[in-house]
PDB file of N, CA and C in Angstrom:
ATOM      1  N   UNK A   1      18.126  28.211   0.735  1.00  0.00           N
ATOM      2  CA  UNK A   1      19.024  27.112   1.001  1.00  0.00           C
ATOM      3  C   UNK A   1      19.965  26.980  -0.199  1.00  0.00           C
ATOM      4  N   UNK A   2      21.230  26.806   0.092  1.00  0.00           N
ATOM      5  CA  UNK A   2      22.209  26.610  -0.972  1.00  0.00           C
ATOM      6  C   UNK A   2      22.155  25.161  -1.453  1.00  0.00           C
ATOM      7  N   UNK A   3      22.764  24.900  -2.603  1.00  0.00           N
ATOM      8  CA  UNK A   3      22.836  23.527  -3.103  1.00  0.00           C
ATOM      9  C   UNK A   3      23.577  22.626  -2.121  1.00  0.00           C
ATOM     10  N   UNK A   4      24.638  23.135  -1.513  1.00  0.00           N
ATOM     11  CA  UNK A   4      25.395  22.341  -0.533  1.00  0.00           C
ATOM     12  C   UNK A   4      24.536  21.972   0.669  1.00  0.00           C
ATOM     13  N   UNK A   5      23.782  22.934   1.163  1.00  0.00           N
ATOM     14  CA  UNK A   5      22.887  22.659   2.288  1.00  0.00           C
ATOM     15  C   UNK A   5      21.819  21.640   1.899  1.00  0.00           C
ATOM     16  N   UNK A   6      21.299  21.785   0.692  1.00  0.00           N
ATOM     17  CA  UNK A   6      20.298  20.832   0.199  1.00  0.00           C
ATOM     18  C   UNK A   6      20.871  19.422   0.157  1.00  0.00           C
ATOM     19  N   UNK A   7      22.067  19.283  -0.426  1.00  0.00           N
ATOM     20  CA  UNK A   7      22.692  17.960  -0.505  1.00  0.00           C
ATOM     21  C   UNK A   7      22.906  17.367   0.884  1.00  0.00           C
ATOM     22  N   UNK A   8      23.368  18.171   1.810  1.00  0.00           N
ATOM     23  CA  UNK A   8      23.601  17.683   3.168  1.00  0.00           C
ATOM     24  C   UNK A   8      22.291  17.237   3.821  1.00  0.00           C
ATOM     25  N   UNK A   9      21.250  18.045   3.688  1.00  0.00           N
ATOM     26  CA  UNK A   9      19.940  17.710   4.266  1.00  0.00           C
ATOM     27  C   UNK A   9      19.420  16.381   3.713  1.00  0.00           C
ATOM     28  N   UNK A  10      19.463  16.236   2.391  1.00  0.00           N
ATOM     29  CA  UNK A  10      18.910  15.033   1.766  1.00  0.00           C
ATOM     30  C   UNK A  10      19.771  13.815   2.073  1.00  0.00           C
ATOM     31  N   UNK A  11      21.088  13.968   2.014  1.00  0.00           N
ATOM     32  CA  UNK A  11      21.965  12.834   2.329  1.00  0.00           C
ATOM     33  C   UNK A  11      21.717  12.328   3.746  1.00  0.00           C
ATOM     34  N   UNK A  12      21.584  13.239   4.695  1.00  0.00           N
ATOM     35  CA  UNK A  12      21.309  12.848   6.079  1.00  0.00           C
ATOM     36  C   UNK A  12      19.952  12.159   6.199  1.00  0.00           C
ATOM     37  N   UNK A  13      18.966  12.652   5.464  1.00  0.00           N
ATOM     38  CA  UNK A  13      17.638  12.050   5.494  1.00  0.00           C
ATOM     39  C   UNK A  13      17.665  10.626   4.934  1.00  0.00           C
ATOM     40  N   UNK A  14      18.326  10.446   3.795  1.00  0.00           N
ATOM     41  CA  UNK A  14      18.389   9.115   3.189  1.00  0.00           C
ATOM     42  C   UNK A  14      19.119   8.133   4.101  1.00  0.00           C
ATOM     43  N   UNK A  15      20.183   8.592   4.732  1.00  0.00           N
ATOM     44  CA  UNK A  15      20.902   7.730   5.681  1.00  0.00           C
ATOM     45  C   UNK A  15      19.991   7.362   6.855  1.00  0.00           C
ATOM     46  N   UNK A  16      19.198   8.312   7.318  1.00  0.00           N
ATOM     47  CA  UNK A  16      18.287   8.003   8.434  1.00  0.00           C
ATOM     48  C   UNK A  16      17.252   6.962   8.013  1.00  0.00           C
ATOM     49  N   UNK A  17      16.783   7.019   6.771  1.00  0.00           N
ATOM     50  CA  UNK A  17      15.845   6.004   6.278  1.00  0.00           C
ATOM     51  C   UNK A  17      16.513   4.633   6.240  1.00  0.00           C
ATOM     52  N   UNK A  18      17.767   4.587   5.788  1.00  0.00           N
ATOM     53  CA  UNK A  18      18.502   3.320   5.765  1.00  0.00           C
ATOM     54  C   UNK A  18      18.640   2.758   7.178  1.00  0.00           C
ATOM     55  N   UNK A  19      18.960   3.615   8.129  1.00  0.00           N
ATOM     56  CA  UNK A  19      19.121   3.176   9.518  1.00  0.00           C
ATOM     57  C   UNK A  19      17.809   2.654  10.094  1.00  0.00           C
ATOM     58  N   UNK A  20      16.707   3.293   9.754  1.00  0.00           N
ATOM     59  CA  UNK A  20      15.399   2.825  10.215  1.00  0.00           C
ATOM     60  C   UNK A  20      15.125   1.427   9.676  1.00  0.00           C
ATOM     61  N   UNK A  21      15.416   1.210   8.403  1.00  0.00           N
ATOM     62  CA  UNK A  21      15.218  -0.117   7.808  1.00  0.00           C
ATOM     63  C   UNK A  21      16.120  -1.137   8.491  1.00  0.00           C
ATOM     64  N   UNK A  22      17.395  -0.783   8.664  1.00  0.00           N
ATOM     65  CA  UNK A  22      18.351  -1.704   9.290  1.00  0.00           C
ATOM     66  C   UNK A  22      17.948  -2.065  10.717  1.00  0.00           C
ATOM     67  N   UNK A  23      17.385  -1.110  11.440  1.00  0.00           N
ATOM     68  CA  UNK A  23      17.014  -1.330  12.836  1.00  0.00           C
ATOM     69  C   UNK A  23      15.651  -2.003  12.994  1.00  0.00           C
ATOM     70  N   UNK A  24      14.920  -2.129  11.889  1.00  0.00           N
ATOM     71  CA  UNK A  24      13.593  -2.742  11.932  1.00  0.00           C
ATOM     72  C   UNK A  24      13.692  -4.210  11.554  1.00  0.00           C
ATOM     73  N   UNK A  25      12.722  -4.961  11.993  1.00  0.00           N
ATOM     74  CA  UNK A  25      12.664  -6.379  11.647  1.00  0.00           C
ATOM     75  C   UNK A  25      11.751  -6.541  10.434  1.00  0.00           C
ATOM     76  N   UNK A  26      12.198  -6.010   9.288  1.00  0.00           N
ATOM     77  CA  UNK A  26      11.393  -6.062   8.069  1.00  0.00           C
ATOM     78  C   UNK A  26      12.198  -6.689   6.939  1.00  0.00           C
ATOM     79  N   UNK A  27      11.468  -7.284   6.014  1.00  0.00           N
ATOM     80  CA  UNK A  27      12.096  -7.833   4.816  1.00  0.00           C
ATOM     81  C   UNK A  27      12.019  -6.777   3.721  1.00  0.00           C
ATOM     82  N   UNK A  28      12.973  -5.875   3.745  1.00  0.00           N
ATOM     83  CA  UNK A  28      13.003  -4.783   2.790  1.00  0.00           C
ATOM     84  C   UNK A  28      14.460  -4.503   2.463  1.00  0.00           C
ATOM     85  N   UNK A  29      14.825  -4.758   1.214  1.00  0.00           N
ATOM     86  CA  UNK A  29      16.186  -4.474   0.785  1.00  0.00           C
ATOM     87  C   UNK A  29      16.237  -3.068   0.216  1.00  0.00           C
ATOM     88  N   UNK A  30      17.418  -2.489   0.226  1.00  0.00           N
ATOM     89  CA  UNK A  30      17.589  -1.159  -0.345  1.00  0.00           C
ATOM     90  C   UNK A  30      18.989  -1.027  -0.926  1.00  0.00           C
ATOM     91  N   UNK A  31      19.128  -0.029  -1.774  1.00  0.00           N
ATOM     92  CA  UNK A  31      20.427   0.311  -2.353  1.00  0.00           C
ATOM     93  C   UNK A  31      20.488   1.826  -2.467  1.00  0.00           C
ATOM     94  N   UNK A  32      21.603   2.392  -2.065  1.00  0.00           N
ATOM     95  CA  UNK A  32      21.817   3.828  -2.209  1.00  0.00           C
ATOM     96  C   UNK A  32      22.991   4.015  -3.155  1.00  0.00           C
ATOM     97  N   UNK A  33      22.703   4.558  -4.319  1.00  0.00           N
ATOM     98  CA  UNK A  33      23.728   4.780  -5.329  1.00  0.00           C
ATOM     99  C   UNK A  33      23.606   6.207  -5.843  1.00  0.00           C
ATOM    100  N   UNK A  34      24.647   6.988  -5.645  1.00  0.00           N
ATOM    101  CA  UNK A  34      24.652   8.389  -6.089  1.00  0.00           C
ATOM    102  C   UNK A  34      23.452   9.166  -5.560  1.00  0.00           C
ATOM    103  N   UNK A  35      23.143   8.943  -4.291  1.00  0.00           N
ATOM    104  CA  UNK A  35      22.036   9.630  -3.615  1.00  0.00           C
ATOM    105  C   UNK A  35      20.673   9.304  -4.211  1.00  0.00           C
ATOM    106  N   UNK A  36      20.564   8.147  -4.839  1.00  0.00           N
ATOM    107  CA  UNK A  36      19.273   7.616  -5.253  1.00  0.00           C
ATOM    108  C   UNK A  36      19.031   6.389  -4.382  1.00  0.00           C
ATOM    109  N   UNK A  37      18.021   6.473  -3.532  1.00  0.00           N
ATOM    110  CA  UNK A  37      17.702   5.368  -2.632  1.00  0.00           C
ATOM    111  C   UNK A  37      16.578   4.555  -3.256  1.00  0.00           C
ATOM    112  N   UNK A  38      16.877   3.288  -3.531  1.00  0.00           N
ATOM    113  CA  UNK A  38      15.894   2.376  -4.100  1.00  0.00           C
ATOM    114  C   UNK A  38      15.534   1.333  -3.054  1.00  0.00           C
ATOM    115  N   UNK A  39      14.247   1.228  -2.759  1.00  0.00           N
ATOM    116  CA  UNK A  39      13.743   0.219  -1.837  1.00  0.00           C
ATOM    117  C   UNK A  39      13.141  -0.904  -2.671  1.00  0.00           C
ATOM    118  N   UNK A  40      13.543  -2.127  -2.381  1.00  0.00           N
ATOM    119  CA  UNK A  40      13.065  -3.293  -3.117  1.00  0.00           C
ATOM    120  C   UNK A  40      12.021  -4.009  -2.272  1.00  0.00           C
ATOM    121  N   UNK A  41      10.779  -3.982  -2.726  1.00  0.00           N
ATOM    122  CA  UNK A  41       9.672  -4.542  -1.964  1.00  0.00           C
ATOM    123  C   UNK A  41       9.470  -6.021  -2.277  1.00  0.00           C
ATOM    124  N   UNK A  42       8.810  -6.685  -1.347  1.00  0.00           N
ATOM    125  CA  UNK A  42       8.568  -8.118  -1.453  1.00  0.00           C
ATOM    126  C   UNK A  42       7.769  -8.490  -2.705  1.00  0.00           C
ATOM    127  N   UNK A  43       6.898  -7.593  -3.170  1.00  0.00           N
ATOM    128  CA  UNK A  43       6.078  -7.903  -4.345  1.00  0.00           C
ATOM    129  C   UNK A  43       6.837  -7.695  -5.651  1.00  0.00           C
ATOM    130  N   UNK A  44       8.126  -7.376  -5.559  1.00  0.00           N
ATOM    131  CA  UNK A  44       8.948  -7.165  -6.751  1.00  0.00           C
ATOM    132  C   UNK A  44       8.976  -5.724  -7.229  1.00  0.00           C
ATOM    133  N   UNK A  45       8.172  -4.876  -6.620  1.00  0.00           N
ATOM    134  CA  UNK A  45       8.150  -3.470  -7.017  1.00  0.00           C
ATOM    135  C   UNK A  45       9.250  -2.699  -6.290  1.00  0.00           C
ATOM    136  N   UNK A  46       9.424  -1.466  -6.697  1.00  0.00           N
ATOM    137  CA  UNK A  46      10.442  -0.606  -6.101  1.00  0.00           C
ATOM    138  C   UNK A  46       9.827   0.730  -5.694  1.00  0.00           C
ATOM    139  N   UNK A  47      10.450   1.339  -4.711  1.00  0.00           N
ATOM    140  CA  UNK A  47      10.157   2.717  -4.328  1.00  0.00           C
ATOM    141  C   UNK A  47      11.474   3.459  -4.491  1.00  0.00           C
ATOM    142  N   UNK A  48      11.456   4.539  -5.260  1.00  0.00           N
ATOM    143  CA  UNK A  48      12.697   5.239  -5.585  1.00  0.00           C
ATOM    144  C   UNK A  48      12.623   6.673  -5.078  1.00  0.00           C
ATOM    145  N   UNK A  49      13.653   7.048  -4.314  1.00  0.00           N
ATOM    146  CA  UNK A  49      13.781   8.419  -3.814  1.00  0.00           C
ATOM    147  C   UNK A  49      15.029   9.026  -4.437  1.00  0.00           C
ATOM    148  N   UNK A  50      14.891  10.199  -5.034  1.00  0.00           N
ATOM    149  CA  UNK A  50      16.080  10.848  -5.576  1.00  0.00           C
ATOM    150  C   UNK A  50      15.995  12.366  -5.465  1.00  0.00           C
ATOM    151  N   UNK A  51      17.166  12.964  -5.501  1.00  0.00           N
ATOM    152  CA  UNK A  51      17.299  14.419  -5.390  1.00  0.00           C
ATOM    153  C   UNK A  51      16.999  15.084  -6.730  1.00  0.00           C
ATOM    154  N   UNK A  52      16.385  16.218  -6.648  1.00  0.00           N
ATOM    155  CA  UNK A  52      16.247  17.113  -7.793  1.00  0.00           C
ATOM    156  C   UNK A  52      16.878  18.435  -7.358  1.00  0.00           C
ATOM    157  N   UNK A  53      18.197  18.489  -7.505  1.00  0.00           N
ATOM    158  CA  UNK A  53      18.964  19.617  -6.969  1.00  0.00           C
ATOM    159  C   UNK A  53      18.522  20.971  -7.509  1.00  0.00           C
ATOM    160  N   UNK A  54      18.305  21.136  -8.818  1.00  0.00           N
ATOM    161  CA  UNK A  54      17.926  22.474  -9.293  1.00  0.00           C
ATOM    162  C   UNK A  54      16.646  23.005  -8.646  1.00  0.00           C
ATOM    163  N   UNK A  55      15.750  22.083  -8.265  1.00  0.00           N
ATOM    164  CA  UNK A  55      14.482  22.480  -7.656  1.00  0.00           C
ATOM    165  C   UNK A  55      14.505  22.398  -6.132  1.00  0.00           C
ATOM    166  N   UNK A  56      15.599  21.841  -5.587  1.00  0.00           N
ATOM    167  CA  UNK A  56      15.702  21.580  -4.147  1.00  0.00           C
ATOM    168  C   UNK A  56      14.517  20.740  -3.669  1.00  0.00           C
ATOM    169  N   UNK A  57      14.260  19.672  -4.408  1.00  0.00           N
ATOM    170  CA  UNK A  57      13.171  18.758  -4.090  1.00  0.00           C
ATOM    171  C   UNK A  57      13.689  17.329  -3.977  1.00  0.00           C
ATOM    172  N   UNK A  58      12.903  16.500  -3.293  1.00  0.00           N
ATOM    173  CA  UNK A  58      13.091  15.053  -3.299  1.00  0.00           C
ATOM    174  C   UNK A  58      11.916  14.487  -4.074  1.00  0.00           C
ATOM    175  N   UNK A  59      12.216  13.692  -5.091  1.00  0.00           N
ATOM    176  CA  UNK A  59      11.161  13.039  -5.849  1.00  0.00           C
ATOM    177  C   UNK A  59      11.072  11.598  -5.395  1.00  0.00           C
ATOM    178  N   UNK A  60       9.851  11.126  -5.225  1.00  0.00           N
ATOM    179  CA  UNK A  60       9.610   9.753  -4.793  1.00  0.00           C
ATOM    180  C   UNK A  60       8.656   9.101  -5.789  1.00  0.00           C
ATOM    181  N   UNK A  61       9.086   7.959  -6.313  1.00  0.00           N
ATOM    182  CA  UNK A  61       8.245   7.186  -7.225  1.00  0.00           C
ATOM    183  C   UNK A  61       7.796   5.926  -6.506  1.00  0.00           C
ATOM    184  N   UNK A  62       6.482   5.760  -6.397  1.00  0.00           N
ATOM    185  CA  UNK A  62       5.905   4.548  -5.830  1.00  0.00           C
ATOM    186  C   UNK A  62       5.075   3.879  -6.915  1.00  0.00           C
ATOM    187  N   UNK A  63       4.584   2.697  -6.604  1.00  0.00           N
ATOM    188  CA  UNK A  63       3.736   1.976  -7.547  1.00  0.00           C
ATOM    189  C   UNK A  63       2.475   2.782  -7.868  1.00  0.00           C
ATOM    190  N   UNK A  64       1.984   3.527  -6.907  1.00  0.00           N
ATOM    191  CA  UNK A  64       0.720   4.242  -7.053  1.00  0.00           C
ATOM    192  C   UNK A  64       0.870   5.663  -7.577  1.00  0.00           C
ATOM    193  N   UNK A  65       1.985   6.333  -7.258  1.00  0.00           N
ATOM    194  CA  UNK A  65       2.097   7.769  -7.545  1.00  0.00           C
ATOM    195  C   UNK A  65       3.538   8.231  -7.637  1.00  0.00           C
ATOM    196  N   UNK A  66       3.678   9.443  -8.122  1.00  0.00           N
ATOM    197  CA  UNK A  66       4.936  10.168  -8.046  1.00  0.00           C
ATOM    198  C   UNK A  66       4.720  11.373  -7.145  1.00  0.00           C
ATOM    199  N   UNK A  67       5.704  11.685  -6.334  1.00  0.00           N
ATOM    200  CA  UNK A  67       5.582  12.788  -5.380  1.00  0.00           C
ATOM    201  C   UNK A  67       6.801  13.694  -5.493  1.00  0.00           C
ATOM    202  N   UNK A  68       6.586  14.988  -5.316  1.00  0.00           N
ATOM    203  CA  UNK A  68       7.657  15.978  -5.296  1.00  0.00           C
ATOM    204  C   UNK A  68       7.601  16.682  -3.942  1.00  0.00           C
ATOM    205  N   UNK A  69       8.656  16.494  -3.149  1.00  0.00           N
ATOM    206  CA  UNK A  69       8.684  17.034  -1.792  1.00  0.00           C
ATOM    207  C   UNK A  69       9.619  18.231  -1.699  1.00  0.00           C
ATOM    208  N   UNK A  70       9.141  19.257  -0.993  1.00  0.00           N
ATOM    209  CA  UNK A  70       9.922  20.455  -0.720  1.00  0.00           C
ATOM    210  C   UNK A  70      10.060  20.614   0.788  1.00  0.00           C
ATOM    211  N   UNK A  71      11.184  21.158   1.210  1.00  0.00           N
ATOM    212  CA  UNK A  71      11.415  21.379   2.633  1.00  0.00           C
ATOM    213  C   UNK A  71      10.718  22.670   3.061  1.00  0.00           C
ATOM    214  N   UNK A  72       9.707  22.503   3.916  1.00  0.00           N
ATOM    215  CA  UNK A  72       8.930  23.639   4.410  1.00  0.00           C
ATOM    216  C   UNK A  72       8.912  23.559   5.933  1.00  0.00           C
ATOM    217  N   UNK A  73       9.480  24.566   6.581  1.00  0.00           N
ATOM    218  CA  UNK A  73       9.539  24.588   8.054  1.00  0.00           C
ATOM    219  C   UNK A  73      10.098  23.285   8.613  1.00  0.00           C
ATOM    220  N   UNK A  74      11.198  22.830   8.031  1.00  0.00           N
ATOM    221  CA  UNK A  74      11.936  21.639   8.478  1.00  0.00           C
ATOM    222  C   UNK A  74      11.196  20.325   8.247  1.00  0.00           C
ATOM    223  N   UNK A  75      10.156  20.337   7.396  1.00  0.00           N
ATOM    224  CA  UNK A  75       9.401  19.125   7.073  1.00  0.00           C
ATOM    225  C   UNK A  75       9.328  18.994   5.553  1.00  0.00           C
ATOM    226  N   UNK A  76       9.575  17.768   5.045  1.00  0.00           N
ATOM    227  CA  UNK A  76       9.478  17.511   3.608  1.00  0.00           C
ATOM    228  C   UNK A  76       8.008  17.263   3.264  1.00  0.00           C
ATOM    229  N   UNK A  77       7.425  18.180   2.464  1.00  0.00           N
ATOM    230  CA  UNK A  77       5.999  18.176   2.167  1.00  0.00           C
ATOM    231  C   UNK A  77       5.796  18.057   0.659  1.00  0.00           C
ATOM    232  N   UNK A  78       4.854  17.172   0.258  1.00  0.00           N
ATOM    233  CA  UNK A  78       4.508  17.019  -1.157  1.00  0.00           C
ATOM    234  C   UNK A  78       3.873  18.319  -1.637  1.00  0.00           C
ATOM    235  N   UNK A  79       4.405  18.872  -2.718  1.00  0.00           N
ATOM    236  CA  UNK A  79       3.921  20.173  -3.173  1.00  0.00           C
ATOM    237  C   UNK A  79       2.555  20.104  -3.855  1.00  0.00           C
ATOM    238  N   UNK A  80       2.046  18.899  -4.066  1.00  0.00           N
ATOM    239  CA  UNK A  80       0.724  18.749  -4.671  1.00  0.00           C
ATOM    240  C   UNK A  80      -0.328  18.351  -3.631  1.00  0.00           C
ATOM    241  N   UNK A  81      -0.004  17.345  -2.809  1.00  0.00           N
ATOM    242  CA  UNK A  81      -0.990  16.791  -1.870  1.00  0.00           C
ATOM    243  C   UNK A  81      -0.831  17.295  -0.440  1.00  0.00           C
ATOM    244  N   UNK A  82       0.288  17.941  -0.148  1.00  0.00           N
ATOM    245  CA  UNK A  82       0.625  18.410   1.201  1.00  0.00           C
ATOM    246  C   UNK A  82       0.893  17.266   2.181  1.00  0.00           C
ATOM    247  N   UNK A  83       1.064  16.046   1.680  1.00  0.00           N
ATOM    248  CA  UNK A  83       1.425  14.927   2.547  1.00  0.00           C
ATOM    249  C   UNK A  83       2.890  15.039   2.943  1.00  0.00           C
ATOM    250  N   UNK A  84       3.218  14.493   4.094  1.00  0.00           N
ATOM    251  CA  UNK A  84       4.580  14.513   4.611  1.00  0.00           C
ATOM    252  C   UNK A  84       5.323  13.283   4.087  1.00  0.00           C
ATOM    253  N   UNK A  85       6.599  13.470   3.740  1.00  0.00           N
ATOM    254  CA  UNK A  85       7.407  12.398   3.158  1.00  0.00           C
ATOM    255  C   UNK A  85       7.401  11.136   4.011  1.00  0.00           C
ATOM    256  N   UNK A  86       7.608  11.266   5.304  1.00  0.00           N
ATOM    257  CA  UNK A  86       7.679  10.074   6.161  1.00  0.00           C
ATOM    258  C   UNK A  86       6.383   9.273   6.105  1.00  0.00           C
ATOM    259  N   UNK A  87       5.245   9.941   6.073  1.00  0.00           N
ATOM    260  CA  UNK A  87       3.955   9.250   6.010  1.00  0.00           C
ATOM    261  C   UNK A  87       3.755   8.574   4.661  1.00  0.00           C
ATOM    262  N   UNK A  88       4.135   9.245   3.594  1.00  0.00           N
ATOM    263  CA  UNK A  88       4.008   8.664   2.253  1.00  0.00           C
ATOM    264  C   UNK A  88       4.878   7.426   2.132  1.00  0.00           C
ATOM    265  N   UNK A  89       6.102   7.511   2.629  1.00  0.00           N
ATOM    266  CA  UNK A  89       7.020   6.380   2.540  1.00  0.00           C
ATOM    267  C   UNK A  89       6.537   5.212   3.403  1.00  0.00           C
ATOM    268  N   UNK A  90       6.065   5.499   4.595  1.00  0.00           N
ATOM    269  CA  UNK A  90       5.525   4.453   5.475  1.00  0.00           C
ATOM    270  C   UNK A  90       4.366   3.724   4.802  1.00  0.00           C
ATOM    271  N   UNK A  91       3.458   4.477   4.199  1.00  0.00           N
ATOM    272  CA  UNK A  91       2.296   3.885   3.533  1.00  0.00           C
ATOM    273  C   UNK A  91       2.703   3.089   2.294  1.00  0.00           C
ATOM    274  N   UNK A  92       3.636   3.609   1.522  1.00  0.00           N
ATOM    275  CA  UNK A  92       4.074   2.914   0.309  1.00  0.00           C
ATOM    276  C   UNK A  92       4.740   1.584   0.641  1.00  0.00           C
ATOM    277  N   UNK A  93       5.576   1.570   1.672  1.00  0.00           N
ATOM    278  CA  UNK A  93       6.244   0.323   2.073  1.00  0.00           C
ATOM    279  C   UNK A  93       5.207  -0.694   2.551  1.00  0.00           C
ATOM    280  N   UNK A  94       4.199  -0.234   3.253  1.00  0.00           N
ATOM    281  CA  UNK A  94       3.139  -1.140   3.712  1.00  0.00           C
ATOM    282  C   UNK A  94       2.343  -1.674   2.526  1.00  0.00           C
ATOM    283  N   UNK A  95       1.956  -0.800   1.605  1.00  0.00           N
ATOM    284  CA  UNK A  95       1.133  -1.206   0.465  1.00  0.00           C
ATOM    285  C   UNK A  95       1.892  -2.084  -0.526  1.00  0.00           C
ATOM    286  N   UNK A  96       3.126  -1.741  -0.804  1.00  0.00           N
ATOM    287  CA  UNK A  96       3.886  -2.476  -1.810  1.00  0.00           C
ATOM    288  C   UNK A  96       4.628  -3.677  -1.237  1.00  0.00           C
ATOM    289  N   UNK A  97       5.131  -3.521  -0.036  1.00  0.00           N
ATOM    290  CA  UNK A  97       5.966  -4.577   0.521  1.00  0.00           C
ATOM    291  C   UNK A  97       5.329  -5.369   1.638  1.00  0.00           C
ATOM    292  N   UNK A  98       4.162  -4.918   2.095  1.00  0.00           N
ATOM    293  CA  UNK A  98       3.500  -5.610   3.181  1.00  0.00           C
ATOM    294  C   UNK A  98       4.242  -5.514   4.502  1.00  0.00           C
ATOM    295  N   UNK A  99       5.101  -4.521   4.626  1.00  0.00           N
ATOM    296  CA  UNK A  99       5.917  -4.359   5.833  1.00  0.00           C
ATOM    297  C   UNK A  99       5.468  -3.128   6.613  1.00  0.00           C
ATOM    298  N   UNK A 100       5.494  -3.247   7.936  1.00  0.00           N
ATOM    299  CA  UNK A 100       5.157  -2.126   8.812  1.00  0.00           C
ATOM    300  C   UNK A 100       6.432  -1.533   9.379  1.00  0.00           C
ATOM    301  N   UNK A 101       6.773  -0.373   8.885  1.00  0.00           N
ATOM    302  CA  UNK A 101       7.930   0.360   9.386  1.00  0.00           C
ATOM    303  C   UNK A 101       7.572   1.842   9.338  1.00  0.00           C
ATOM    304  N   UNK A 102       7.912   2.564  10.381  1.00  0.00           N
ATOM    305  CA  UNK A 102       7.594   3.993  10.443  1.00  0.00           C
ATOM    306  C   UNK A 102       8.839   4.813  10.165  1.00  0.00           C
ATOM    307  N   UNK A 103       8.740   5.665   9.184  1.00  0.00           N
ATOM    308  CA  UNK A 103       9.867   6.521   8.808  1.00  0.00           C
ATOM    309  C   UNK A 103       9.743   7.890   9.441  1.00  0.00           C
TER     310      UNK A 103
END
């Protein structure tokens, strides 16, 4: 995958996460600045998703852990735990923000 393809893939993914939040009835604020998506949880904590272009990874920082996701067969998978990004994000939002939203 080229850097351009990586940027396009991640930008589309982050926009889809924003749309899911907007379409859900949840109290979860977010900000997307320079392709860094920050989710502001009700407990005052944050979940941060950002690109790591040289590695073609998405890094996610939650209150509990840090995750590094790689695109494998069209799915973003944590290179350490093999968890899928959407599941990790869904669980983090529930644990930190007390909100039920499926990504």
